[in-house]
C-alpha cells in the first residue's frame, strides 16, 4: 500500500509543480503548491476516526515543514511496552 500512496502523491505533486492552466483568473497566474499528509488506519486508531485525522494532520505539518510540494506519511511510534502476545511468545521460547 505504501508504494501506491507514494506513487499517487508523486503524481499529484508533479501536476502541481508543472503549473496547471491558470491564466484567465483576473489575467494573472495563480501559483499552486501542494502539501500532503498521509495516515493509515491501524489497530491503534481503532474506532476513533479523530485519531486517524490527527495522525494525517501531524504528517501534513511535517510535509509543510519540509517545504512546498511535499508529502509525508505518519509513522506510528513503536509501543513502549510489548504486545501481550509477544510477551507470551517470548516466555514460551524461554521455557523451550
C-alpha atoms as a PDB file:
ATOM      1  CA  UNK A   1       0.000   0.000   0.000  1.00  0.00           C
ATOM      2  CA  UNK A   2       2.796   2.428   0.855  1.00  0.00           C
ATOM      3  CA  UNK A   3       4.176   2.236  -2.718  1.00  0.00           C
ATOM      4  CA  UNK A   4       0.756   3.101  -4.167  1.00  0.00           C
ATOM      5  CA  UNK A   5       0.378   6.037  -1.781  1.00  0.00           C
ATOM      6  CA  UNK A   6       3.803   7.433  -2.670  1.00  0.00           C
ATOM      7  CA  UNK A   7       3.134   6.912  -6.367  1.00  0.00           C
ATOM      8  CA  UNK A   8      -0.172   8.782  -6.184  1.00  0.00           C
ATOM      9  CA  UNK A   9       1.365  11.549  -4.075  1.00  0.00           C
ATOM     10  CA  UNK A  10       4.178  11.916  -6.588  1.00  0.00           C
ATOM     11  CA  UNK A  11       1.604  12.231  -9.400  1.00  0.00           C
ATOM     12  CA  UNK A  12      -0.253  14.954  -7.518  1.00  0.00           C
ATOM     13  CA  UNK A  13       2.940  16.800  -6.673  1.00  0.00           C
ATOM     14  CA  UNK A  14       4.293  16.702 -10.224  1.00  0.00           C
ATOM     15  CA  UNK A  15       0.965  18.036 -11.513  1.00  0.00           C
ATOM     16  CA  UNK A  16       1.186  20.922  -9.035  1.00  0.00           C
ATOM     17  CA  UNK A  17       4.808  21.601  -9.988  1.00  0.00           C
ATOM     18  CA  UNK A  18       4.001  21.604 -13.702  1.00  0.00           C
ATOM     19  CA  UNK A  19       1.716  24.571 -13.166  1.00  0.00           C
ATOM     20  CA  UNK A  20      -1.823  23.953 -14.328  1.00  0.00           C
ATOM     21  CA  UNK A  21      -3.501  26.291 -16.744  1.00  0.00           C
ATOM     22  CA  UNK A  22      -4.337  29.218 -14.510  1.00  0.00           C
ATOM     23  CA  UNK A  23      -4.373  32.121 -16.934  1.00  0.00           C
ATOM     24  CA  UNK A  24      -7.653  33.919 -17.137  1.00  0.00           C
ATOM     25  CA  UNK A  25      -8.058  34.310 -13.397  1.00  0.00           C
ATOM     26  CA  UNK A  26      -8.149  38.084 -13.333  1.00  0.00           C
ATOM     27  CA  UNK A  27      -5.484  37.994 -16.043  1.00  0.00           C
ATOM     28  CA  UNK A  28      -2.769  36.706 -13.696  1.00  0.00           C
ATOM     29  CA  UNK A  29      -1.066  33.412 -12.975  1.00  0.00           C
ATOM     30  CA  UNK A  30      -2.072  31.759  -9.717  1.00  0.00           C
ATOM     31  CA  UNK A  31       0.729  29.794  -8.051  1.00  0.00           C
ATOM     32  CA  UNK A  32      -0.301  26.426  -6.624  1.00  0.00           C
ATOM     33  CA  UNK A  33       1.580  24.368  -4.049  1.00  0.00           C
ATOM     34  CA  UNK A  34       0.570  21.037  -2.529  1.00  0.00           C
ATOM     35  CA  UNK A  35       1.445  19.542   0.855  1.00  0.00           C
ATOM     36  CA  UNK A  36       0.056  16.090   1.613  1.00  0.00           C
ATOM     37  CA  UNK A  37      -0.194  14.282   4.952  1.00  0.00           C
ATOM     38  CA  UNK A  38      -0.938  10.566   4.845  1.00  0.00           C
ATOM     39  CA  UNK A  39      -2.034   8.290   7.679  1.00  0.00           C
ATOM     40  CA  UNK A  40      -3.114   4.675   7.609  1.00  0.00           C
ATOM     41  CA  UNK A  41      -5.945   3.153   9.627  1.00  0.00           C
ATOM     42  CA  UNK A  42      -4.334   0.841  12.192  1.00  0.00           C
ATOM     43  CA  UNK A  43      -5.382  -1.220  15.176  1.00  0.00           C
ATOM     44  CA  UNK A  44      -4.240   1.622  17.441  1.00  0.00           C
ATOM     45  CA  UNK A  45      -6.653   4.010  15.710  1.00  0.00           C
ATOM     46  CA  UNK A  46      -9.475   1.564  16.378  1.00  0.00           C
ATOM     47  CA  UNK A  47     -12.941   3.062  16.201  1.00  0.00           C
ATOM     48  CA  UNK A  48     -11.712   6.600  16.777  1.00  0.00           C
ATOM     49  CA  UNK A  49     -11.601   8.442  13.436  1.00  0.00           C
ATOM     50  CA  UNK A  50     -10.312  11.567  15.193  1.00  0.00           C
ATOM     51  CA  UNK A  51      -7.065   9.667  15.858  1.00  0.00           C
ATOM     52  CA  UNK A  52      -6.671   8.998  12.141  1.00  0.00           C
ATOM     53  CA  UNK A  53      -7.357  12.640  11.313  1.00  0.00           C
ATOM     54  CA  UNK A  54      -4.849  13.755  13.963  1.00  0.00           C
ATOM     55  CA  UNK A  55      -2.204  11.414  12.501  1.00  0.00           C
ATOM     56  CA  UNK A  56      -2.799  12.739   8.971  1.00  0.00           C
ATOM     57  CA  UNK A  57      -2.698  16.294  10.309  1.00  0.00           C
ATOM     58  CA  UNK A  58       0.624  15.590  12.013  1.00  0.00           C
ATOM     59  CA  UNK A  59       2.024  14.204   8.742  1.00  0.00           C
ATOM     60  CA  UNK A  60       0.711  17.264   6.884  1.00  0.00           C
ATOM     61  CA  UNK A  61       2.626  19.617   9.162  1.00  0.00           C
ATOM     62  CA  UNK A  62       5.780  17.518   8.714  1.00  0.00           C
ATOM     63  CA  UNK A  63       5.344  17.856   4.929  1.00  0.00           C
ATOM     64  CA  UNK A  64       4.804  21.623   5.228  1.00  0.00           C
ATOM     65  CA  UNK A  65       7.892  21.963   7.407  1.00  0.00           C
ATOM     66  CA  UNK A  66       9.959  20.237   4.696  1.00  0.00           C
ATOM     67  CA  UNK A  67       8.854  22.806   2.110  1.00  0.00           C
ATOM     68  CA  UNK A  68       6.320  23.258  -0.661  1.00  0.00           C
ATOM     69  CA  UNK A  69       5.092  20.397  -2.816  1.00  0.00           C
ATOM     70  CA  UNK A  70       5.989  17.667  -0.325  1.00  0.00           C
ATOM     71  CA  UNK A  71       4.269  14.688   1.198  1.00  0.00           C
ATOM     72  CA  UNK A  72       4.829  12.881   4.487  1.00  0.00           C
ATOM     73  CA  UNK A  73       3.471   9.659   5.939  1.00  0.00           C
ATOM     74  CA  UNK A  74       2.619   9.394   9.621  1.00  0.00           C
ATOM     75  CA  UNK A  75       4.867   6.802  11.227  1.00  0.00           C
ATOM     76  CA  UNK A  76       3.354   5.212  14.281  1.00  0.00           C
ATOM     77  CA  UNK A  77       5.854   5.046  17.116  1.00  0.00           C
ATOM     78  CA  UNK A  78       6.541   1.553  18.369  1.00  0.00           C
ATOM     79  CA  UNK A  79       4.732   0.763  21.615  1.00  0.00           C
ATOM     80  CA  UNK A  80       6.657   1.393  24.798  1.00  0.00           C
ATOM     81  CA  UNK A  81       5.565  -1.977  26.142  1.00  0.00           C
ATOM     82  CA  UNK A  82       5.478  -5.152  24.045  1.00  0.00           C
ATOM     83  CA  UNK A  83       2.158  -6.580  22.918  1.00  0.00           C
ATOM     84  CA  UNK A  84       0.750  -9.252  25.294  1.00  0.00           C
ATOM     85  CA  UNK A  85       1.016 -11.900  22.553  1.00  0.00           C
ATOM     86  CA  UNK A  86       4.705 -11.051  22.065  1.00  0.00           C
ATOM     87  CA  UNK A  87       5.329 -11.357  25.812  1.00  0.00           C
ATOM     88  CA  UNK A  88       3.640 -14.767  25.887  1.00  0.00           C
ATOM     89  CA  UNK A  89       5.672 -15.913  22.864  1.00  0.00           C
ATOM     90  CA  UNK A  90       8.946 -14.792  24.485  1.00  0.00           C
ATOM     91  CA  UNK A  91       8.041 -16.627  27.704  1.00  0.00           C
ATOM     92  CA  UNK A  92       7.264 -19.784  25.697  1.00  0.00           C
ATOM     93  CA  UNK A  93      10.625 -19.583  23.931  1.00  0.00           C
ATOM     94  CA  UNK A  94      12.428 -19.267  27.271  1.00  0.00           C
ATOM     95  CA  UNK A  95      10.746 -22.426  28.531  1.00  0.00           C
ATOM     96  CA  UNK A  96      11.897 -24.415  25.489  1.00  0.00           C
END
